[in-house]
C-alpha atoms as a PDB file:
ATOM      1  CA  ILE A   1      -2.801 122.678 -71.032  1.00  0.00           C
ATOM      2  CA  LEU A   2      -4.049 125.858 -69.331  1.00  0.00           C
ATOM      3  CA  PHE A   3      -4.400 126.585 -65.633  1.00  0.00           C
ATOM      4  CA  GLU A   4      -7.572 128.646 -65.727  1.00  0.00           C
ATOM      5  CA  LYS A   5     -10.749 128.964 -63.654  1.00  0.00           C
ATOM      6  CA  LEU A   6      -9.236 127.127 -60.720  1.00  0.00           C
ATOM      7  CA  LYS A   7     -10.345 128.169 -57.254  1.00  0.00           C
ATOM      8  CA  MET A   8      -7.706 129.377 -54.811  1.00  0.00           C
ATOM      9  CA  GLU A   9      -8.121 126.264 -52.689  1.00  0.00           C
ATOM     10  CA  ASP A  10      -7.452 124.132 -55.780  1.00  0.00           C
ATOM     11  CA  LEU A  11      -4.293 126.066 -56.562  1.00  0.00           C
ATOM     12  CA  HIS A  12      -3.197 125.919 -52.938  1.00  0.00           C
ATOM     13  CA  ALA A  13      -3.714 122.152 -52.862  1.00  0.00           C
ATOM     14  CA  LEU A  14      -1.819 121.695 -56.098  1.00  0.00           C
ATOM     15  CA  PHE A  15       1.084 123.952 -55.183  1.00  0.00           C
ATOM     16  CA  ASN A  16       1.598 122.564 -51.716  1.00  0.00           C
ATOM     17  CA  ASP A  17       0.823 118.875 -52.054  1.00  0.00           C
ATOM     18  CA  GLU A  18       3.488 116.728 -53.667  1.00  0.00           C
ATOM     19  CA  PHE A  19       1.001 113.887 -54.016  1.00  0.00           C
ATOM     20  CA  GLU A  20      -1.352 116.112 -56.056  1.00  0.00           C
ATOM     21  CA  ILE A  21       1.511 117.222 -58.292  1.00  0.00           C
ATOM     22  CA  GLN A  22       2.555 113.629 -58.935  1.00  0.00           C
ATOM     23  CA  GLU A  23      -1.056 112.618 -59.635  1.00  0.00           C
ATOM     24  CA  LEU A  24      -1.369 115.452 -62.151  1.00  0.00           C
ATOM     25  CA  GLY A  25       1.802 114.306 -63.889  1.00  0.00           C
ATOM     26  CA  LYS A  26       0.649 110.681 -63.978  1.00  0.00           C
ATOM     27  CA  MET A  27      -2.705 111.714 -65.465  1.00  0.00           C
ATOM     28  CA  LEU A  28      -0.921 113.642 -68.214  1.00  0.00           C
ATOM     29  CA  VAL A  29       1.318 110.670 -68.978  1.00  0.00           C
ATOM     30  CA  GLU A  30      -1.653 108.265 -69.092  1.00  0.00           C
ATOM     31  CA  ASN A  31      -3.568 110.508 -71.492  1.00  0.00           C
ATOM     32  CA  ALA A  32      -0.514 111.053 -73.676  1.00  0.00           C
ATOM     33  CA  ASN A  33      -0.101 107.276 -73.967  1.00  0.00           C
ATOM     34  CA  GLN A  34      -3.811 106.654 -74.523  1.00  0.00           C
ATOM     35  CA  PHE A  35      -4.171 109.237 -77.286  1.00  0.00           C
ATOM     36  CA  ASN A  36      -0.662 108.823 -78.713  1.00  0.00           C
ATOM     37  CA  PHE A  37       0.390 112.410 -77.966  1.00  0.00           C
ATOM     38  CA  ASP A  38       4.032 113.390 -78.396  1.00  0.00           C
ATOM     39  CA  GLY A  39       3.584 115.499 -75.263  1.00  0.00           C
ATOM     40  CA  TYR A  40       2.022 118.773 -74.169  1.00  0.00           C
ATOM     41  CA  VAL A  41       2.216 122.511 -74.530  1.00  0.00           C
ATOM     42  CA  LEU A  42       1.823 123.999 -71.056  1.00  0.00           C
ATOM     43  CA  GLU A  43       0.801 127.587 -70.318  1.00  0.00           C
ATOM     44  CA  ILE A  44       0.808 128.567 -66.664  1.00  0.00           C
ATOM     45  CA  TYR A  45       3.036 131.604 -66.022  1.00  0.00           C
ATOM     46  CA  ILE A  46       0.783 134.084 -67.833  1.00  0.00           C
ATOM     47  CA  GLN A  47      -2.405 132.971 -66.093  1.00  0.00           C
ATOM     48  CA  LEU A  48      -0.868 133.360 -62.644  1.00  0.00           C
ATOM     49  CA  ASN A  49       1.087 136.489 -63.631  1.00  0.00           C
ATOM     50  CA  GLY A  50       4.262 135.027 -62.226  1.00  0.00           C
ATOM     51  CA  GLN A  51       2.885 134.634 -58.706  1.00  0.00           C
ATOM     52  CA  SER A  52       4.110 131.715 -56.574  1.00  0.00           C
ATOM     53  CA  LYS A  53       7.038 131.371 -58.968  1.00  0.00           C
ATOM     54  CA  ALA A  54       8.927 128.815 -56.890  1.00  0.00           C
ATOM     55  CA  ASN A  55       5.832 126.614 -56.733  1.00  0.00           C
ATOM     56  CA  ILE A  56       5.177 126.954 -60.462  1.00  0.00           C
ATOM     57  CA  ASN A  57       8.761 126.015 -61.310  1.00  0.00           C
ATOM     58  CA  HIS A  58       8.463 123.048 -58.963  1.00  0.00           C
ATOM     59  CA  ILE A  59       5.316 121.832 -60.733  1.00  0.00           C
ATOM     60  CA  VAL A  60       6.856 122.295 -64.184  1.00  0.00           C
ATOM     61  CA  ASN A  61      10.019 120.505 -63.091  1.00  0.00           C
ATOM     62  CA  ASP A  62       8.126 117.506 -61.659  1.00  0.00           C
ATOM     63  CA  ILE A  63       5.751 117.207 -64.630  1.00  0.00           C
ATOM     64  CA  THR A  64       8.673 117.418 -67.053  1.00  0.00           C
ATOM     65  CA  ASP A  65      10.523 114.646 -65.200  1.00  0.00           C
ATOM     66  CA  LEU A  66       7.478 112.367 -65.428  1.00  0.00           C
ATOM     67  CA  LEU A  67       6.922 113.115 -69.105  1.00  0.00           C
ATOM     68  CA  ASN A  68      10.595 112.710 -70.007  1.00  0.00           C
ATOM     69  CA  SER A  69      10.795 109.372 -68.198  1.00  0.00           C
ATOM     70  CA  ASN A  70       7.907 108.198 -70.385  1.00  0.00           C
ATOM     71  CA  LYS A  71       9.467 109.587 -73.593  1.00  0.00           C
ATOM     72  CA  LYS A  72       6.983 112.453 -73.811  1.00  0.00           C
ATOM     73  CA  ILE A  73       7.901 116.099 -74.276  1.00  0.00           C
ATOM     74  CA  LEU A  74       6.875 119.390 -72.703  1.00  0.00           C
ATOM     75  CA  ILE A  75       6.828 122.726 -74.527  1.00  0.00           C
ATOM     76  CA  LEU A  76       6.506 125.609 -72.087  1.00  0.00           C
ATOM     77  CA  VAL A  77       4.775 128.834 -73.126  1.00  0.00           C
ATOM     78  CA  ILE A  78       6.561 131.908 -71.773  1.00  0.00           C
ATOM     79  CA  PRO A  79       5.659 135.617 -72.079  1.00  0.00           C
ATOM     80  CA  PRO A  80       8.126 138.117 -73.558  1.00  0.00           C
ATOM     81  CA  PRO A  81      10.397 139.354 -70.760  1.00  0.00           C
ATOM     82  CA  LEU A  82      10.714 142.826 -72.299  1.00  0.00           C
ATOM     83  CA  ALA A  83       7.428 144.646 -72.776  1.00  0.00           C
ATOM     84  CA  VAL A  84       9.131 147.463 -74.702  1.00  0.00           C
ATOM     85  CA  VAL A  85      12.290 147.816 -76.760  1.00  0.00           C
ATOM     86  CA  ARG A  86      15.011 148.602 -74.242  1.00  0.00           C
ATOM     87  CA  GLU A  87      18.653 147.902 -73.581  1.00  0.00           C
ATOM     88  CA  GLU A  88      18.464 147.023 -69.914  1.00  0.00           C
ATOM     89  CA  GLU A  89      16.849 143.968 -68.367  1.00  0.00           C
ATOM     90  CA  ASP A  90      13.261 144.241 -67.220  1.00  0.00           C
ATOM     91  CA  ASP A  91      12.857 143.644 -63.488  1.00  0.00           C
ATOM     92  CA  LYS A  92       9.145 143.011 -64.105  1.00  0.00           C
ATOM     93  CA  ALA A  93       9.712 139.954 -66.298  1.00  0.00           C
ATOM     94  CA  ILE A  94       7.321 137.151 -65.374  1.00  0.00           C
ATOM     95  CA  PHE A  95       9.637 134.405 -66.616  1.00  0.00           C
ATOM     96  CA  THR A  96      13.206 135.462 -65.854  1.00  0.00           C
ATOM     97  CA  LEU A  97      16.618 134.314 -67.020  1.00  0.00           C
ATOM     98  CA  ASP A  98      16.982 132.430 -63.721  1.00  0.00           C
ATOM     99  CA  ASP A  99      13.749 130.556 -64.453  1.00  0.00           C
ATOM    100  CA  PHE A 100      14.992 129.692 -67.934  1.00  0.00           C
ATOM    101  CA  ASN A 101      18.348 128.440 -66.637  1.00  0.00           C
ATOM    102  CA  LEU A 102      16.561 126.321 -64.035  1.00  0.00           C
ATOM    103  CA  LEU A 103      14.443 124.490 -66.620  1.00  0.00           C
ATOM    104  CA  LYS A 104      16.386 124.646 -69.896  1.00  0.00           C
ATOM    105  CA  GLN A 105      18.027 121.236 -69.556  1.00  0.00           C
ATOM    106  CA  LYS A 106      14.717 119.437 -69.021  1.00  0.00           C
ATOM    107  CA  VAL A 107      12.036 121.265 -70.992  1.00  0.00           C
ATOM    108  CA  TYR A 108      11.905 120.263 -74.666  1.00  0.00           C
ATOM    109  CA  ALA A 109      11.280 123.831 -75.903  1.00  0.00           C
ATOM    110  CA  PHE A 110      10.066 127.274 -74.826  1.00  0.00           C
ATOM    111  CA  SER A 111       7.349 128.915 -76.920  1.00  0.00           C
ATOM    112  CA  LEU A 112       8.247 132.605 -76.577  1.00  0.00           C
ATOM    113  CA  MET A 113       5.283 134.928 -77.136  1.00  0.00           C
ATOM    114  CA  THR A 114       7.052 137.551 -79.250  1.00  0.00           C
ATOM    115  CA  TYR A 115       3.864 139.157 -80.520  1.00  0.00           C
ATOM    116  CA  ASP A 116       1.186 141.543 -79.194  1.00  0.00           C
ATOM    117  CA  PHE A 117       3.788 144.303 -78.927  1.00  0.00           C
ATOM    118  CA  ALA A 118       1.110 147.007 -79.314  1.00  0.00           C
ATOM    119  CA  THR A 119      -1.091 145.409 -76.664  1.00  0.00           C
ATOM    120  CA  HIS A 120       1.792 145.330 -74.193  1.00  0.00           C
ATOM    121  CA  ASN A 121       2.457 149.029 -74.738  1.00  0.00           C
ATOM    122  CA  GLY A 122      -1.037 150.444 -75.270  1.00  0.00           C
ATOM    123  CA  MET A 123      -0.141 152.107 -78.552  1.00  0.00           C
ATOM    124  CA  VAL A 124      -0.851 151.924 -82.264  1.00  0.00           C
ATOM    125  CA  ALA A 125       2.173 149.901 -83.303  1.00  0.00           C
ATOM    126  CA  PRO A 126       3.315 146.791 -85.179  1.00  0.00           C
ATOM    127  CA  ASN A 127       2.388 143.340 -83.905  1.00  0.00           C
ATOM    128  CA  ALA A 128       5.980 142.188 -83.469  1.00  0.00           C
ATOM    129  CA  PRO A 129       8.779 144.555 -84.541  1.00  0.00           C
ATOM    130  CA  THR A 130      11.907 142.573 -85.300  1.00  0.00           C
ATOM    131  CA  GLN A 131      14.208 144.589 -83.023  1.00  0.00           C
ATOM    132  CA  TRP A 132      11.845 143.843 -80.114  1.00  0.00           C
ATOM    133  CA  ILE A 133      11.735 140.150 -81.014  1.00  0.00           C
ATOM    134  CA  GLU A 134      15.522 139.981 -81.112  1.00  0.00           C
ATOM    135  CA  LYS A 135      15.970 141.684 -77.744  1.00  0.00           C
ATOM    136  CA  ASN A 136      13.494 139.286 -76.111  1.00  0.00           C
ATOM    137  CA  VAL A 137      15.285 136.260 -77.532  1.00  0.00           C
ATOM    138  CA  GLU A 138      18.701 137.580 -76.551  1.00  0.00           C
ATOM    139  CA  TYR A 139      17.440 138.260 -73.023  1.00  0.00           C
ATOM    140  CA  TYR A 140      17.627 134.495 -72.547  1.00  0.00           C
ATOM    141  CA  LEU A 141      20.401 133.611 -74.993  1.00  0.00           C
ATOM    142  CA  LYS A 142      22.918 136.480 -74.944  1.00  0.00           C
ATOM    143  CA  ASP A 143      25.493 134.372 -73.050  1.00  0.00           C
ATOM    144  CA  GLU A 144      24.318 130.981 -74.354  1.00  0.00           C
ATOM    145  CA  TYR A 145      26.558 129.399 -76.990  1.00  0.00           C
ATOM    146  CA  ASP A 146      25.191 125.859 -76.845  1.00  0.00           C
ATOM    147  CA  LEU A 147      23.216 125.521 -80.088  1.00  0.00           C
ATOM    148  CA  SER A 148      21.103 122.729 -78.619  1.00  0.00           C
ATOM    149  CA  ILE A 149      19.900 125.155 -75.939  1.00  0.00           C
ATOM    150  CA  ARG A 150      19.469 128.109 -78.312  1.00  0.00           C
ATOM    151  CA  SER A 151      17.242 125.984 -80.533  1.00  0.00           C
ATOM    152  CA  LYS A 152      14.938 125.356 -77.558  1.00  0.00           C
ATOM    153  CA  ILE A 153      13.693 128.932 -77.789  1.00  0.00           C
ATOM    154  CA  LEU A 154      10.842 129.011 -80.307  1.00  0.00           C
ATOM    155  CA  LEU A 155      10.530 132.527 -81.685  1.00  0.00           C
ATOM    156  CA  GLY A 156       6.831 133.438 -81.676  1.00  0.00           C
ATOM    157  CA  LEU A 157       5.453 134.201 -85.138  1.00  0.00           C
ATOM    158  CA  ASN A 158       1.951 135.708 -85.358  1.00  0.00           C
ATOM    159  CA  PHE A 159      -0.349 134.700 -88.227  1.00  0.00           C
ATOM    160  CA  TYR A 160      -3.010 137.240 -87.164  1.00  0.00           C
ATOM    161  CA  GLY A 161      -3.091 141.027 -87.381  1.00  0.00           C
ATOM    162  CA  MET A 162      -4.397 143.904 -85.274  1.00  0.00           C
ATOM    163  CA  LYS A 163      -6.878 146.557 -86.340  1.00  0.00           C
ATOM    164  CA  PHE A 164      -6.901 150.017 -84.763  1.00  0.00           C
ATOM    165  CA  GLU A 165      -9.491 152.735 -85.202  1.00  0.00           C
ATOM    166  CA  ILE A 166      -8.394 156.289 -84.445  1.00  0.00           C
ATOM    167  CA  SER A 167     -10.011 159.676 -84.815  1.00  0.00           C
ATOM    168  CA  ALA A 168      -9.354 161.247 -88.225  1.00  0.00           C
ATOM    169  CA  ASN A 169      -8.977 164.622 -86.487  1.00  0.00           C
ATOM    170  CA  ASN A 170      -6.857 163.452 -83.579  1.00  0.00           C
ATOM    171  CA  LYS A 171      -4.299 160.852 -84.563  1.00  0.00           C
ATOM    172  CA  ASN A 172      -3.541 160.009 -80.941  1.00  0.00           C
ATOM    173  CA  GLN A 173      -7.139 159.258 -79.951  1.00  0.00           C
ATOM    174  CA  VAL A 174      -7.923 155.555 -80.228  1.00  0.00           C
ATOM    175  CA  ILE A 175     -11.690 155.155 -80.625  1.00  0.00           C
ATOM    176  CA  ASN A 176     -12.085 151.453 -79.846  1.00  0.00           C
ATOM    177  CA  GLN A 177     -10.056 148.660 -78.320  1.00  0.00           C
ATOM    178  CA  PRO A 178      -7.642 147.101 -80.828  1.00  0.00           C
ATOM    179  CA  GLU A 179      -9.269 144.160 -82.580  1.00  0.00           C
ATOM    180  CA  PRO A 180      -7.445 140.986 -83.638  1.00  0.00           C
ATOM    181  CA  ILE A 181      -8.033 140.221 -87.304  1.00  0.00           C
ATOM    182  CA  ILE A 182      -7.533 136.781 -88.874  1.00  0.00           C
ATOM    183  CA  GLY A 183      -6.963 135.868 -92.504  1.00  0.00           C
ATOM    184  CA  SER A 184     -10.566 135.409 -93.686  1.00  0.00           C
ATOM    185  CA  ARG A 185     -11.660 138.680 -92.102  1.00  0.00           C
ATOM    186  CA  PHE A 186      -8.610 140.454 -93.510  1.00  0.00           C
ATOM    187  CA  ILE A 187      -9.548 139.390 -97.059  1.00  0.00           C
ATOM    188  CA  GLU A 188     -13.083 140.713 -96.510  1.00  0.00           C
ATOM    189  CA  PHE A 189     -11.627 143.957 -95.168  1.00  0.00           C
ATOM    190  CA  LEU A 190      -9.496 144.438 -98.288  1.00  0.00           C
ATOM    191  CA  LYS A 191     -12.547 143.892-100.488  1.00  0.00           C
ATOM    192  CA  GLU A 192     -14.565 146.441 -98.505  1.00  0.00           C
ATOM    193  CA  HIS A 193     -12.006 149.263 -98.500  1.00  0.00           C
ATOM    194  CA  SER A 194      -9.555 151.030-100.740  1.00  0.00           C
ATOM    195  CA  MET A 195      -6.287 150.671 -98.841  1.00  0.00           C
ATOM    196  CA  GLU A 196      -2.981 152.457 -98.678  1.00  0.00           C
ATOM    197  CA  ILE A 197      -0.206 149.950 -98.037  1.00  0.00           C
ATOM    198  CA  ARG A 198       3.012 150.993 -96.329  1.00  0.00           C
ATOM    199  CA  TYR A 199       6.113 149.131 -95.285  1.00  0.00           C
ATOM    200  CA  GLU A 200       7.529 150.084 -91.906  1.00  0.00           C
ATOM    201  CA  PRO A 201      11.256 149.284 -92.263  1.00  0.00           C
ATOM    202  CA  GLU A 202      12.240 149.605 -88.600  1.00  0.00           C
ATOM    203  CA  GLY A 203       9.861 146.928 -87.376  1.00  0.00           C
ATOM    204  CA  LYS A 204       9.786 145.152 -90.772  1.00  0.00           C
ATOM    205  CA  GLU A 205       5.995 144.940 -91.012  1.00  0.00           C
ATOM    206  CA  HIS A 206       3.364 146.117 -93.465  1.00  0.00           C
ATOM    207  CA  VAL A 207       0.505 148.373 -92.420  1.00  0.00           C
ATOM    208  CA  PHE A 208      -2.778 148.865 -94.271  1.00  0.00           C
ATOM    209  CA  ILE A 209      -4.517 152.234 -93.865  1.00  0.00           C
ATOM    210  CA  THR A 210      -7.929 153.574 -94.881  1.00  0.00           C
ATOM    211  CA  GLU A 211     -10.485 156.139 -93.717  1.00  0.00           C
ATOM    212  CA  ALA A 212     -14.200 155.569 -93.176  1.00  0.00           C
ATOM    213  CA  ASN A 213     -16.944 157.330 -91.194  1.00  0.00           C
ATOM    214  CA  LYS A 214     -14.601 160.081 -89.971  1.00  0.00           C
ATOM    215  CA  LYS A 215     -12.105 157.642 -88.560  1.00  0.00           C
ATOM    216  CA  LYS A 216      -8.812 156.236 -89.713  1.00  0.00           C
ATOM    217  CA  ILE A 217      -8.490 152.460 -89.723  1.00  0.00           C
ATOM    218  CA  ILE A 218      -5.005 151.021 -89.367  1.00  0.00           C
ATOM    219  CA  VAL A 219      -4.315 147.302 -89.763  1.00  0.00           C
ATOM    220  CA  TRP A 220      -0.978 145.685 -89.083  1.00  0.00           C
ATOM    221  CA  TYR A 221      -1.081 142.304 -90.790  1.00  0.00           C
ATOM    222  CA  PRO A 222       1.633 139.768 -91.754  1.00  0.00           C
ATOM    223  CA  THR A 223       2.826 139.459 -95.337  1.00  0.00           C
ATOM    224  CA  LEU A 224       5.048 136.926 -96.996  1.00  0.00           C
ATOM    225  CA  TYR A 225       7.921 139.401 -96.785  1.00  0.00           C
ATOM    226  CA  SER A 226       7.455 140.093 -93.065  1.00  0.00           C
ATOM    227  CA  ILE A 227       7.278 136.345 -92.374  1.00  0.00           C
ATOM    228  CA  PHE A 228      10.463 135.857 -94.412  1.00  0.00           C
ATOM    229  CA  GLU A 229      12.252 138.484 -92.303  1.00  0.00           C
ATOM    230  CA  ARG A 230      11.306 136.677 -89.089  1.00  0.00           C
ATOM    231  CA  ILE A 231      12.341 133.283 -90.409  1.00  0.00           C
ATOM    232  CA  GLU A 232      15.691 134.844 -91.354  1.00  0.00           C
ATOM    233  CA  LEU A 233      15.979 136.291 -87.842  1.00  0.00           C
ATOM    234  CA  ALA A 234      15.279 132.891 -86.283  1.00  0.00           C
ATOM    235  CA  ASP A 235      18.014 131.377 -88.468  1.00  0.00           C
ATOM    236  CA  GLN A 236      20.461 134.080 -87.386  1.00  0.00           C
ATOM    237  CA  LEU A 237      19.634 133.606 -83.704  1.00  0.00           C
ATOM    238  CA  GLY A 238      19.686 129.803 -83.897  1.00  0.00           C
ATOM    239  CA  THR A 239      16.117 129.435 -82.622  1.00  0.00           C
ATOM    240  CA  GLY A 240      13.053 127.533 -83.752  1.00  0.00           C
ATOM    241  CA  LEU A 241       9.606 128.952 -84.545  1.00  0.00           C
ATOM    242  CA  SER A 242       6.211 128.746 -82.894  1.00  0.00           C
ATOM    243  CA  ILE A 243       3.138 130.021 -84.726  1.00  0.00           C
ATOM    244  CA  TRP A 244       0.099 131.736 -83.210  1.00  0.00           C
ATOM    245  CA  GLU A 245      -1.835 130.334 -84.669  1.00  0.00           C
ATOM    246  CA  LEU A 246      -2.082 127.941 -87.581  1.00  0.00           C
ATOM    247  CA  GLY A 247      -5.692 128.559 -88.541  1.00  0.00           C
ATOM    248  CA  GLN A 248      -5.500 132.355 -88.418  1.00  0.00           C
ATOM    249  CA  GLY A 249      -3.241 133.057 -91.380  1.00  0.00           C
ATOM    250  CA  LEU A 250      -3.490 132.877 -95.156  1.00  0.00           C
ATOM    251  CA  ASN A 251      -2.674 129.704 -97.044  1.00  0.00           C
ATOM    252  CA  TYR A 252       0.486 131.034 -98.683  1.00  0.00           C
ATOM    253  CA  PHE A 253       2.019 131.926 -95.304  1.00  0.00           C
ATOM    254  CA  TYR A 254       3.357 128.360 -95.233  1.00  0.00           C
ATOM    255  CA  ASP A 255       5.280 128.686 -98.501  1.00  0.00           C
ATOM    256  CA  LEU A 256       8.506 129.727 -96.760  1.00  0.00           C
ATOM    257  CA  LEU A 257       8.411 127.350 -93.783  1.00  0.00           C
END
């Protein structure tokens, strides 16, 4: 469920009218029963960029209560609180530790978007370096010892890659916007180019590099080894996994799950 393309008056009515909130929850319950859904995945914080946080938390809380009372679940999508690898907390986090503590007893799970690291930072970089993933998970769980709560965080695992094109003469000049690349396109890309393959040990990802038409093409794409490292990290942290997204990877990506 996404909250997109709503007019401001619609959002205002939803946020400030308890009747509208309850009607929304009832509609979700009715559809879950009709179509035999286990529940819903809800994404709302990213679309609204954390604005009207108290109202959003109120809506999530009320919807979760209605779903739980009807034996349906809610998985809440949350953005990574730390845009970069850092030791201190990020005061710009959209979904904060306070938000997590408010909802953790009711929400079935939190799908943490620990990918798109390069996009967050505007650089040529891995999709999801493991040290960055770990810091984002521990932002919520560093003082949490209840395993049932720790397992509610679903560590985000990307099954897509990112392609960067940079000037062969100027390694810092990105020619085009980074382009997501899915499994079928990645296979075509390997057939079209002679690639140099490197392993980046700090972020624990593989990078594929070639040159064509006076530009260097760099592709960060998952491998079975990089997926293994992230599954191991999830085991160490006591979390689950959420995959973005199932149809974007290669068939053998599932061998370790």
